[in-house]
Amino acid sequence: MSQHTLSVLVENKPSVLARVSSLLARRGFNIHSMAVGPTADEGLSRMTIVVDAPEMEQVKKQLHKLINVVRITELDPDDSLEREIMLVRIAATPGKRGEILEIGTIFKATAIDVGPTSIAFTVSGEPRKINDFVELVRPFGIVELVKSGRIAMARDLKSRKLKAIG
């Protein structure tokens, strides 16, 4: 199955998140990540859902049946902006700290806690960047890791044209 990113505009009301997630679970779709937050309109929230599903039309039809769903957009990775944030604690012996901090610098990660046996970083950016950082530090030993759900939005139409040209 392939991953798809949906941007779902919903009414900002109690239990909407529960209804959306239970609908997807009942249909057997695996939710890779889900992030929900307010929009510029106080009455609406935006859900960014990354779901594993073979057929997205079925997912969209099912979501449209929910009364609080206003609009559903499937985002093309090439035409959208996607970001995640991660906190990760890496085992860091004194002899390896310099190397770990150097990797952090390359990925613009910020060391937010340095303890006697570990260094914690915050890293934000495109999901691929986050995953690449994890793979590079994995050999040192990941003590703890937590990631946000993906947030995403379509690129500006002008940006899409410039990207196609450049």
Protein backbone atom coordinates (compact mmCIF):
# COMPACT_ATOMS: atom_id res chain seq x y z
CA MET A 1 0.00 0.00 0.00
CA SER A 2 1.13 3.51 -0.62
CA GLN A 3 0.97 6.53 1.63
CA HIS A 4 -1.34 9.41 0.77
CA THR A 5 -1.62 12.81 2.45
CA LEU A 6 -5.08 14.28 2.90
CA SER A 7 -5.86 17.81 3.98
CA VAL A 8 -9.33 17.69 5.56
CA LEU A 9 -11.15 20.87 6.52
CA VAL A 10 -13.62 20.12 9.32
CA GLU A 11 -15.96 22.03 11.59
CA ASN A 12 -14.24 22.84 14.87
CA LYS A 13 -16.54 20.76 17.08
CA PRO A 14 -16.08 18.11 19.77
CA SER A 15 -15.62 14.48 18.67
CA VAL A 16 -14.86 15.23 14.99
CA LEU A 17 -11.34 13.79 15.40
CA ALA A 18 -12.74 10.65 17.01
CA ARG A 19 -15.30 10.17 14.22
CA VAL A 20 -12.70 10.59 11.46
CA SER A 21 -10.14 8.25 13.05
CA SER A 22 -12.74 5.58 13.89
CA LEU A 23 -14.14 5.70 10.33
CA LEU A 24 -10.66 5.07 8.91
CA ALA A 25 -9.98 2.30 11.44
CA ARG A 26 -13.32 0.58 10.74
CA ARG A 27 -12.48 0.51 7.03
CA GLY A 28 -9.07 -1.05 7.75
CA PHE A 29 -6.96 1.92 6.66
CA ASN A 30 -3.72 2.40 8.58
CA ILE A 31 -3.24 5.97 9.81
CA HIS A 32 0.47 6.76 9.60
CA SER A 33 0.04 10.19 11.20
CA MET A 34 -2.67 12.70 11.97
CA ALA A 35 -2.25 16.33 12.99
CA VAL A 36 -5.12 18.66 13.80
CA GLY A 37 -5.08 22.39 14.39
CA PRO A 38 -7.07 25.56 14.01
CA THR A 39 -7.30 27.53 10.78
CA ALA A 40 -7.67 31.27 10.18
CA ASP A 41 -11.44 30.69 10.45
CA GLU A 42 -12.29 30.07 14.13
CA GLY A 43 -15.10 27.69 13.20
CA LEU A 44 -12.84 25.35 11.21
CA SER A 45 -9.90 23.06 11.89
CA ARG A 46 -7.56 21.38 9.43
CA MET A 47 -6.65 17.73 9.76
CA THR A 48 -3.56 16.51 7.93
CA ILE A 49 -3.89 12.74 7.64
CA VAL A 50 -1.24 10.44 6.21
CA VAL A 51 -2.92 7.14 5.48
CA ASP A 52 -1.89 3.83 3.93
CA ALA A 53 -4.63 2.89 1.49
CA PRO A 54 -4.71 1.22 -1.90
CA GLU A 55 -7.64 3.29 -3.17
CA MET A 56 -8.01 6.90 -2.04
CA GLU A 57 -11.36 7.51 -3.74
CA GLN A 58 -13.00 5.12 -1.28
CA VAL A 59 -11.38 6.92 1.68
CA LYS A 60 -12.53 10.31 0.40
CA LYS A 61 -16.09 9.09 -0.23
CA GLN A 62 -16.32 7.70 3.28
CA LEU A 63 -14.96 10.91 4.84
CA HIS A 64 -17.39 13.06 2.83
CA LYS A 65 -20.26 11.17 4.46
CA LEU A 66 -19.30 12.63 7.85
CA ILE A 67 -21.43 15.66 8.59
CA ASN A 68 -18.61 17.82 10.00
CA VAL A 69 -16.29 17.39 6.99
CA VAL A 70 -16.25 20.54 4.84
CA ARG A 71 -13.59 19.76 2.21
CA ILE A 72 -11.05 17.03 1.42
CA THR A 73 -7.94 17.57 -0.67
CA GLU A 74 -5.39 14.91 -1.53
CA LEU A 75 -1.98 16.58 -1.58
CA ASP A 76 0.58 15.64 -4.22
CA PRO A 77 4.02 15.47 -2.53
CA ASP A 78 5.57 17.34 -5.47
CA ASP A 79 3.07 20.21 -5.19
CA SER A 80 2.85 20.55 -1.42
CA LEU A 81 4.80 21.75 1.59
CA GLU A 82 5.25 19.05 4.24
CA ARG A 83 6.87 19.37 7.66
CA GLU A 84 7.35 17.34 10.82
CA ILE A 85 9.09 18.00 14.11
CA MET A 86 10.99 15.43 16.15
CA LEU A 87 12.58 15.21 19.56
CA VAL A 88 15.27 12.54 19.76
CA ARG A 89 17.66 11.53 22.54
CA ILE A 90 20.84 9.86 21.33
CA ALA A 91 23.31 7.90 23.44
CA ALA A 92 26.49 10.00 23.51
CA THR A 93 29.67 8.82 25.11
CA PRO A 94 32.23 11.60 25.61
CA GLY A 95 34.28 10.31 22.66
CA LYS A 96 31.31 10.44 20.28
CA ARG A 97 29.74 13.78 21.28
CA GLY A 98 31.63 15.83 18.69
CA GLU A 99 30.60 13.53 15.87
CA ILE A 100 26.95 13.52 17.00
CA LEU A 101 26.90 17.33 17.32
CA GLU A 102 28.44 17.63 13.84
CA ILE A 103 25.66 15.49 12.36
CA GLY A 104 23.18 17.70 14.19
CA THR A 105 24.73 20.81 12.65
CA ILE A 106 24.49 19.36 9.13
CA PHE A 107 20.75 18.76 9.64
CA LYS A 108 20.19 22.10 11.43
CA ALA A 109 19.14 20.15 14.51
CA THR A 110 19.25 21.98 17.82
CA ALA A 111 20.79 20.31 20.86
CA ILE A 112 18.24 21.01 23.60
CA ASP A 113 19.56 18.82 26.43
CA VAL A 114 23.01 17.47 27.13
CA GLY A 115 23.30 14.88 29.86
CA PRO A 116 26.15 12.71 31.06
CA THR A 117 25.21 9.86 28.69
CA SER A 118 23.06 11.43 25.98
CA ILE A 119 22.22 14.45 23.82
CA ALA A 120 18.65 15.41 22.92
CA PHE A 121 17.90 17.26 19.69
CA THR A 122 14.93 18.91 18.12
CA VAL A 123 14.80 18.55 14.33
CA SER A 124 12.19 19.97 12.01
CA GLY A 125 11.71 19.86 8.28
CA GLU A 126 10.55 17.65 5.46
CA PRO A 127 9.76 14.06 6.48
CA ARG A 128 12.64 12.74 4.36
CA LYS A 129 15.10 15.00 6.21
CA ILE A 130 13.83 13.76 9.58
CA ASN A 131 14.14 10.12 8.47
CA ASP A 132 17.66 10.69 7.10
CA PHE A 133 18.76 12.20 10.43
CA VAL A 134 17.36 9.21 12.33
CA GLU A 135 19.22 6.76 10.09
CA LEU A 136 22.53 8.60 10.54
CA VAL A 137 22.31 8.70 14.35
CA ARG A 138 20.83 5.22 14.79
CA PRO A 139 24.29 3.54 15.08
CA PHE A 140 25.05 5.67 18.17
CA GLY A 141 21.90 4.38 19.87
CA ILE A 142 18.54 6.07 19.99
CA VAL A 143 17.41 6.29 23.59
CA GLU A 144 14.07 7.96 22.94
CA LEU A 145 12.26 9.38 19.93
CA VAL A 146 8.97 11.22 19.43
CA LYS A 147 7.67 12.76 16.20
CA SER A 148 4.75 15.01 15.48
CA GLY A 149 2.21 14.16 12.86
CA ARG A 150 2.91 15.57 9.43
CA ILE A 151 1.47 18.96 8.59
CA ALA A 152 1.05 19.91 4.96
CA MET A 153 -0.47 22.43 2.58
CA ALA A 154 -0.55 22.90 -1.17
CA ARG A 155 2.13 25.09 -2.69
CA ASP A 156 1.12 28.48 -4.05
CA LEU A 157 0.08 28.22 -7.69
CA LYS A 158 2.88 30.64 -8.63
CA SER A 159 5.41 28.43 -6.81
CA ARG A 160 4.18 25.39 -8.72
CA LYS A 161 4.75 27.13 -12.06
CA LEU A 162 8.22 28.29 -11.03
CA LYS A 163 9.10 24.80 -9.83
CA ALA A 164 7.97 23.32 -13.15
CA ILE A 165 10.15 25.78 -15.05
CA GLY A 166 13.23 25.53 -12.80
